[in-house]
Structure formats: C-alpha cells, structure tokens
Amino acid sequence: MTHLSINALTKRYPGEEKPAIDSLSLEVESGKLVALLGPSGCGKTTTMKMIAGLLEPTSGDILFDNQSILNIAPEKRGAVMVFQNYLLFPYMTIAQNVGYGLKMRKVDQATIDRRVGEMLELVKLPSLGDRRPKELSGGQQQRVALARALIVQPNLLLLDEPLSNLDAHLRFEMRDLIREIQQEMGITTLFVTHDQEEAAVLSDKIALILDGTLQQYDPPMGFYESPKSRAIADFFGGVNFVTGTQDKGRFTSDLGAWSAPRGIEAGSGLATIRPEDIEICEAPGENVVSGNIVSHVYVGTHSRLKVDVGAHQFHVVADAGIIKTYGTGSTVMLHLPAEKIWVLPHAKD
C-alpha cells in the first residue's frame, strides 16, 4: 500500500491564462479511496495524468511514501490508470488482455495463466477468458480493464470516469464491485468523477475541485452536513438557503429566530439545510415554520415537496406515505432541526 502526497501541484498549459490545476495539495492515506470530484474541465483528469506520468507538472511535487516520483518514468512508478473507454486490444482474447502487463514484464506463462484466472474470478468474469472484447457488454469490458490494471499489483490505482459510459443499472453494479475489490486488496485509489452520489458512495474522502482549485477535502458527510461555501453546497445540490444574522447560536431572518449552533459564530449568515433533514410536524414550536405546498411529486420510495414559506420556497424530501395526508395546496408545518442547520458566512451585496 502506498501513501500519496500531492504538494502545491500546478499545471499551466501554453497559451492559457489560468492554470488547469492550481497549487493542489492532498494527502491520500495508504489503502484509502479518494474521489476527485468536479465538473468537466476543472482539472481532475489533468491531476491524474500528472500522477501517472502522462503530463509534466508546471510546478509542485508528487510523492509516493515520501519519495518524489517526478523523475521516475511512468512505467516504473507503479501507478496504473483505467480510462472510461476501456482501451482493450480488440485482436486479443480477454485472457490475453488481462495478462498483457505480466507478459511485458516477461513473467512465465504458467504464472500469467494462474494470475489471469484469479483476476477474472475477482471481477466476476471467470468463464469469458476466450472471448474477444467486441463480444462483451460495456460493463464487462470495464471489468476486464480493471482486471488488467490490478494484475500487475500496482502501488496506486487511478480510475478516470470509469463508469461514465455505462447505463444506470451497470453503474450501480460496477461501483459496488470497485469498492469491494478496493477494500479487499487494500490498494490506494484515486477515482475521478463528476457525479456527487458516485463520489459519496465510493470514497473514504472527496476532494472537490472547482475551476482548477481545491475547494474542500473531507469525508462525504462533511460536504452534506458542513460545506465550506455556498458554491460547494450548490454543487452538491438541493440545499435550502435563508439569509439572516447569526449571533451566539441564534439565527435570525425574516422567518423568525432559530436555534442554529453549527457554523459561524456571529455576523451576516446563510443558513443551509438539506431537503431530507426537514421534518413535517403537527404543532408549532422551536425552529418550526408554516407554509403551503405548491408542488408534490411521488417517486416511490419518498415524496418531494416544494413549500412556500413567506418569500422563501423550501424543498422537502418526505416519507412516501405523506401523500395520503398532504397534497398540493395543503398547509404544512416544517421543523428545521437545529443540529441539521449549517450557517455559512454571507457577504452582503
């Protein structure tokens, strides 16, 4: 297992005014899976290619177990990269594709055959070794690409949007398999994605990159419960915002005064609460507001409501059965649990 350190890593492409990635610093503990999350063009893949040795940094350093790798050839770094488009050799069998890395290392054929069998078992394709890539589905091809990467026992596994070409059902299956294998092998892994849910489900920590700059580096829960800025909260979506003033754990706005002990201590604030944290209640009380349901959507496992409260509209995720009690036009009381409110600093215009 390898500890990865990224120190003030910067990449500036010729002719570009802004760097593609700007002073990125991260510590990835041995055996952990970290998601590099962000929209297209934010610098995620650029970062991964610098780690793999496919791009040279403008400045900064990359260390494996406290040793710089910048002067080490890509093929000797022990980092392998799996791309979203698989890059399998069409003229080879699946077994030959998986064993290719060992063949290039001049490993004897008996060992290759044994290791290929082990890898195909690991990715749950034990009987497909004699087939060609064109005979496999997209999900199966991605499993083969993963097996080919893992067979060389890399120090670091780099996954570049590996699920983006798969349909929803296959994405769910593949992400579960990746997490299962990563934990079983204990391999340090970086996973590039633009999907917030994917990052939250798969990773031990998420590095959110926006416009080439690291915004927050925390376990998934930190992004949902304590985002460091409105931009971060917006990126994870669905958050309700109310502007007001924070003072000693009390947040005051045009909706009244609430208990809100988390976040800034004092000053102009932006109270945030996620739709799934709002509770429908039956009686007035602390942190309770009243409003009218203007939209009600039943989605099977739950209901999604839009509730107008004064000049604000709250998005609420409620129990699916709520449709039996409340419908569009109903008046409803909403409880905003104090421990679920997070108050950000808010700069007035």
Foldseek 3Di string as FASTA:
>chain_A
DKKKWWAQFWAQDPPDPDTLAGGDTDIFDFLFEEEAAEDPSLNPVVVVCCLLVVDQTPDTFMDINNHTCNPPHNVPQLEDEAEQVLPFDQVAFLLCRLLVVVVVVVDDPVVSVVLSQVLCVLLVNNPRRGHGPVVDDLLVSLSSSVSSSPSVPGQEYEYEPNCPPDDPVSSVVVLVSVQVVSNVSSHHYYHYDHDLVSRLVRGQWYFYGGNNYTQDIGRSVCLQQPRADVVSVPSNDQKFKFKAWAAQQWTQHPQGIARANAEDHTDTKIKIFHQAQKDWDDDDDGQKFKFFWADWAQDPQWIWTWTDTPPGIHIHTGGNVCCVPDDHGDMTMIHRDNSRIHIYHDDDD
